[in-house]
């Protein structure tokens, strides 16, 4: 039961911070989303995000900070295995499934849904 609570609280806090940034700043949603990915990479690099993932599970890995975490973790593992070339391949290898799913589902919805003009 506590796992679900931590997951909900972590994901909720990340979403609430994003909404506050949208409402209170002049940042565009694209910049906020990019900032979340970069924050995930940075927090993983300094060792802060791994304990959050261990505590919160999907509440920390599903939001965009989790994508940054996945990229950084993939690079770290690939560098340990392949050396310097791992910097270039690790992030994409670790997140390939998520990227492929995003592309496939985007294509499917683009084919199935025809948006109407706003009037």
C-alpha atoms as a PDB file:
ATOM      1  CA  UNK A   1       0.000   0.000   0.000  1.00  0.00           C
ATOM      2  CA  UNK A   2       2.823   2.415   0.834  1.00  0.00           C
ATOM      3  CA  UNK A   3       4.406   1.759  -2.578  1.00  0.00           C
ATOM      4  CA  UNK A   4       1.300   3.129  -4.272  1.00  0.00           C
ATOM      5  CA  UNK A   5       1.230   6.142  -1.976  1.00  0.00           C
ATOM      6  CA  UNK A   6       4.878   7.042  -2.682  1.00  0.00           C
ATOM      7  CA  UNK A   7       4.340   6.510  -6.401  1.00  0.00           C
ATOM      8  CA  UNK A   8       1.279   8.771  -6.393  1.00  0.00           C
ATOM      9  CA  UNK A   9       2.933  11.473  -4.289  1.00  0.00           C
ATOM     10  CA  UNK A  10       6.126  11.609  -6.366  1.00  0.00           C
ATOM     11  CA  UNK A  11       4.300  11.672  -9.705  1.00  0.00           C
ATOM     12  CA  UNK A  12       1.828  14.196  -8.334  1.00  0.00           C
ATOM     13  CA  UNK A  13       4.542  16.531  -7.087  1.00  0.00           C
ATOM     14  CA  UNK A  14       6.356  16.404 -10.446  1.00  0.00           C
ATOM     15  CA  UNK A  15       3.115  17.193 -12.291  1.00  0.00           C
ATOM     16  CA  UNK A  16       2.177  19.949  -9.842  1.00  0.00           C
ATOM     17  CA  UNK A  17       5.574  21.621 -10.238  1.00  0.00           C
ATOM     18  CA  UNK A  18       5.158  21.507 -14.018  1.00  0.00           C
ATOM     19  CA  UNK A  19       1.692  23.053 -13.768  1.00  0.00           C
ATOM     20  CA  UNK A  20       2.967  25.803 -11.459  1.00  0.00           C
ATOM     21  CA  UNK A  21       5.755  26.570 -13.935  1.00  0.00           C
ATOM     22  CA  UNK A  22       3.203  26.813 -16.760  1.00  0.00           C
ATOM     23  CA  UNK A  23       0.865  29.053 -14.738  1.00  0.00           C
ATOM     24  CA  UNK A  24       3.389  31.338 -13.033  1.00  0.00           C
ATOM     25  CA  UNK A  25       6.228  31.757 -15.523  1.00  0.00           C
ATOM     26  CA  UNK A  26       6.628  32.737 -19.151  1.00  0.00           C
ATOM     27  CA  UNK A  27       8.259  29.392 -19.940  1.00  0.00           C
ATOM     28  CA  UNK A  28       6.680  27.509 -22.818  1.00  0.00           C
ATOM     29  CA  UNK A  29       5.528  23.930 -22.204  1.00  0.00           C
ATOM     30  CA  UNK A  30       8.271  22.694 -24.549  1.00  0.00           C
ATOM     31  CA  UNK A  31      10.954  24.380 -22.433  1.00  0.00           C
ATOM     32  CA  UNK A  32       9.472  22.983 -19.241  1.00  0.00           C
ATOM     33  CA  UNK A  33       9.376  19.468 -20.694  1.00  0.00           C
ATOM     34  CA  UNK A  34      12.958  19.775 -21.896  1.00  0.00           C
ATOM     35  CA  UNK A  35      13.943  21.099 -18.488  1.00  0.00           C
ATOM     36  CA  UNK A  36      12.403  18.036 -16.849  1.00  0.00           C
ATOM     37  CA  UNK A  37      14.468  15.699 -19.044  1.00  0.00           C
ATOM     38  CA  UNK A  38      17.655  17.658 -18.334  1.00  0.00           C
ATOM     39  CA  UNK A  39      16.827  17.697 -14.613  1.00  0.00           C
ATOM     40  CA  UNK A  40      16.430  13.915 -14.688  1.00  0.00           C
ATOM     41  CA  UNK A  41      19.835  13.529 -16.339  1.00  0.00           C
ATOM     42  CA  UNK A  42      21.484  15.966 -13.915  1.00  0.00           C
ATOM     43  CA  UNK A  43      19.922  14.457 -10.786  1.00  0.00           C
ATOM     44  CA  UNK A  44      20.954  10.986 -11.938  1.00  0.00           C
ATOM     45  CA  UNK A  45      24.503  12.154 -12.670  1.00  0.00           C
ATOM     46  CA  UNK A  46      24.945  13.525  -9.142  1.00  0.00           C
ATOM     47  CA  UNK A  47      23.357  10.429  -7.581  1.00  0.00           C
ATOM     48  CA  UNK A  48      20.159  11.974  -6.258  1.00  0.00           C
ATOM     49  CA  UNK A  49      17.543  10.431  -8.555  1.00  0.00           C
ATOM     50  CA  UNK A  50      18.405   6.734  -8.025  1.00  0.00           C
ATOM     51  CA  UNK A  51      17.150   6.735  -4.390  1.00  0.00           C
ATOM     52  CA  UNK A  52      13.994   8.554  -5.526  1.00  0.00           C
ATOM     53  CA  UNK A  53      13.375   5.826  -8.129  1.00  0.00           C
ATOM     54  CA  UNK A  54      13.992   3.141  -5.493  1.00  0.00           C
ATOM     55  CA  UNK A  55      11.418   4.765  -3.189  1.00  0.00           C
ATOM     56  CA  UNK A  56       8.788   5.924  -5.682  1.00  0.00           C
ATOM     57  CA  UNK A  57       9.038   3.430  -8.552  1.00  0.00           C
ATOM     58  CA  UNK A  58       6.825   4.400 -11.484  1.00  0.00           C
ATOM     59  CA  UNK A  59       6.047   7.764  -9.879  1.00  0.00           C
ATOM     60  CA  UNK A  60       9.632   8.724 -10.635  1.00  0.00           C
ATOM     61  CA  UNK A  61      10.280   6.782 -13.851  1.00  0.00           C
ATOM     62  CA  UNK A  62       7.126   7.547 -15.854  1.00  0.00           C
ATOM     63  CA  UNK A  63       7.342  11.389 -15.915  1.00  0.00           C
ATOM     64  CA  UNK A  64       9.876  13.080 -18.176  1.00  0.00           C
ATOM     65  CA  UNK A  65      12.443  13.221 -15.400  1.00  0.00           C
ATOM     66  CA  UNK A  66      12.351   9.435 -15.641  1.00  0.00           C
ATOM     67  CA  UNK A  67      13.268   9.650 -19.320  1.00  0.00           C
ATOM     68  CA  UNK A  68      16.311  11.712 -18.365  1.00  0.00           C
ATOM     69  CA  UNK A  69      17.091   9.119 -15.687  1.00  0.00           C
ATOM     70  CA  UNK A  70      16.854   6.351 -18.293  1.00  0.00           C
ATOM     71  CA  UNK A  71      19.187   8.211 -20.668  1.00  0.00           C
ATOM     72  CA  UNK A  72      21.783   8.904 -17.974  1.00  0.00           C
ATOM     73  CA  UNK A  73      21.641   5.370 -16.584  1.00  0.00           C
ATOM     74  CA  UNK A  74      22.047   3.922 -20.094  1.00  0.00           C
ATOM     75  CA  UNK A  75      25.061   6.121 -20.795  1.00  0.00           C
ATOM     76  CA  UNK A  76      26.645   5.194 -17.470  1.00  0.00           C
ATOM     77  CA  UNK A  77      26.207   1.452 -18.087  1.00  0.00           C
ATOM     78  CA  UNK A  78      27.375   1.686 -21.692  1.00  0.00           C
ATOM     79  CA  UNK A  79      30.485   3.673 -20.773  1.00  0.00           C
ATOM     80  CA  UNK A  80      31.344   1.038 -18.172  1.00  0.00           C
ATOM     81  CA  UNK A  81      30.996  -1.712 -20.798  1.00  0.00           C
ATOM     82  CA  UNK A  82      32.248  -0.045 -24.006  1.00  0.00           C
ATOM     83  CA  UNK A  83      34.352   2.900 -22.880  1.00  0.00           C
ATOM     84  CA  UNK A  84      34.050   6.354 -24.448  1.00  0.00           C
ATOM     85  CA  UNK A  85      31.871   5.143 -27.366  1.00  0.00           C
ATOM     86  CA  UNK A  86      29.197   4.323 -24.789  1.00  0.00           C
ATOM     87  CA  UNK A  87      28.559   8.055 -24.429  1.00  0.00           C
ATOM     88  CA  UNK A  88      27.042   8.055 -27.908  1.00  0.00           C
ATOM     89  CA  UNK A  89      25.121   4.772 -27.821  1.00  0.00           C
ATOM     90  CA  UNK A  90      24.093   4.202 -24.208  1.00  0.00           C
ATOM     91  CA  UNK A  91      21.211   6.647 -23.906  1.00  0.00           C
ATOM     92  CA  UNK A  92      19.508   5.544 -27.095  1.00  0.00           C
ATOM     93  CA  UNK A  93      20.025   1.871 -26.341  1.00  0.00           C
ATOM     94  CA  UNK A  94      18.459   2.217 -22.898  1.00  0.00           C
ATOM     95  CA  UNK A  95      15.467   4.222 -24.111  1.00  0.00           C
ATOM     96  CA  UNK A  96      14.932   2.622 -27.540  1.00  0.00           C
ATOM     97  CA  UNK A  97      11.742   0.815 -26.541  1.00  0.00           C
ATOM     98  CA  UNK A  98      10.104   3.986 -25.206  1.00  0.00           C
ATOM     99  CA  UNK A  99      11.167   6.039 -28.217  1.00  0.00           C
ATOM    100  CA  UNK A 100       9.898   3.379 -30.639  1.00  0.00           C
ATOM    101  CA  UNK A 101       6.565   3.149 -28.802  1.00  0.00           C
ATOM    102  CA  UNK A 102       6.148   6.939 -28.938  1.00  0.00           C
ATOM    103  CA  UNK A 103       6.813   6.985 -32.686  1.00  0.00           C
ATOM    104  CA  UNK A 104       4.498   4.045 -33.453  1.00  0.00           C
ATOM    105  CA  UNK A 105       1.591   5.318 -31.355  1.00  0.00           C
ATOM    106  CA  UNK A 106       1.996   8.847 -32.720  1.00  0.00           C
ATOM    107  CA  UNK A 107       1.805   7.471 -36.245  1.00  0.00           C
ATOM    108  CA  UNK A 108      -1.246   5.335 -35.426  1.00  0.00           C
ATOM    109  CA  UNK A 109      -3.139   8.227 -33.886  1.00  0.00           C
ATOM    110  CA  UNK A 110      -2.165  10.540 -36.733  1.00  0.00           C
ATOM    111  CA  UNK A 111      -3.656   8.034 -39.170  1.00  0.00           C
ATOM    112  CA  UNK A 112      -6.797   7.307 -37.120  1.00  0.00           C
ATOM    113  CA  UNK A 113      -7.770  10.772 -35.888  1.00  0.00           C
ATOM    114  CA  UNK A 114      -8.472  13.651 -38.227  1.00  0.00           C
ATOM    115  CA  UNK A 115      -8.479  16.951 -36.338  1.00  0.00           C
ATOM    116  CA  UNK A 116     -11.099  19.508 -37.240  1.00  0.00           C
ATOM    117  CA  UNK A 117     -10.421  23.169 -37.880  1.00  0.00           C
ATOM    118  CA  UNK A 118     -11.120  25.522 -35.012  1.00  0.00           C
ATOM    119  CA  UNK A 119     -13.744  28.101 -35.770  1.00  0.00           C
END
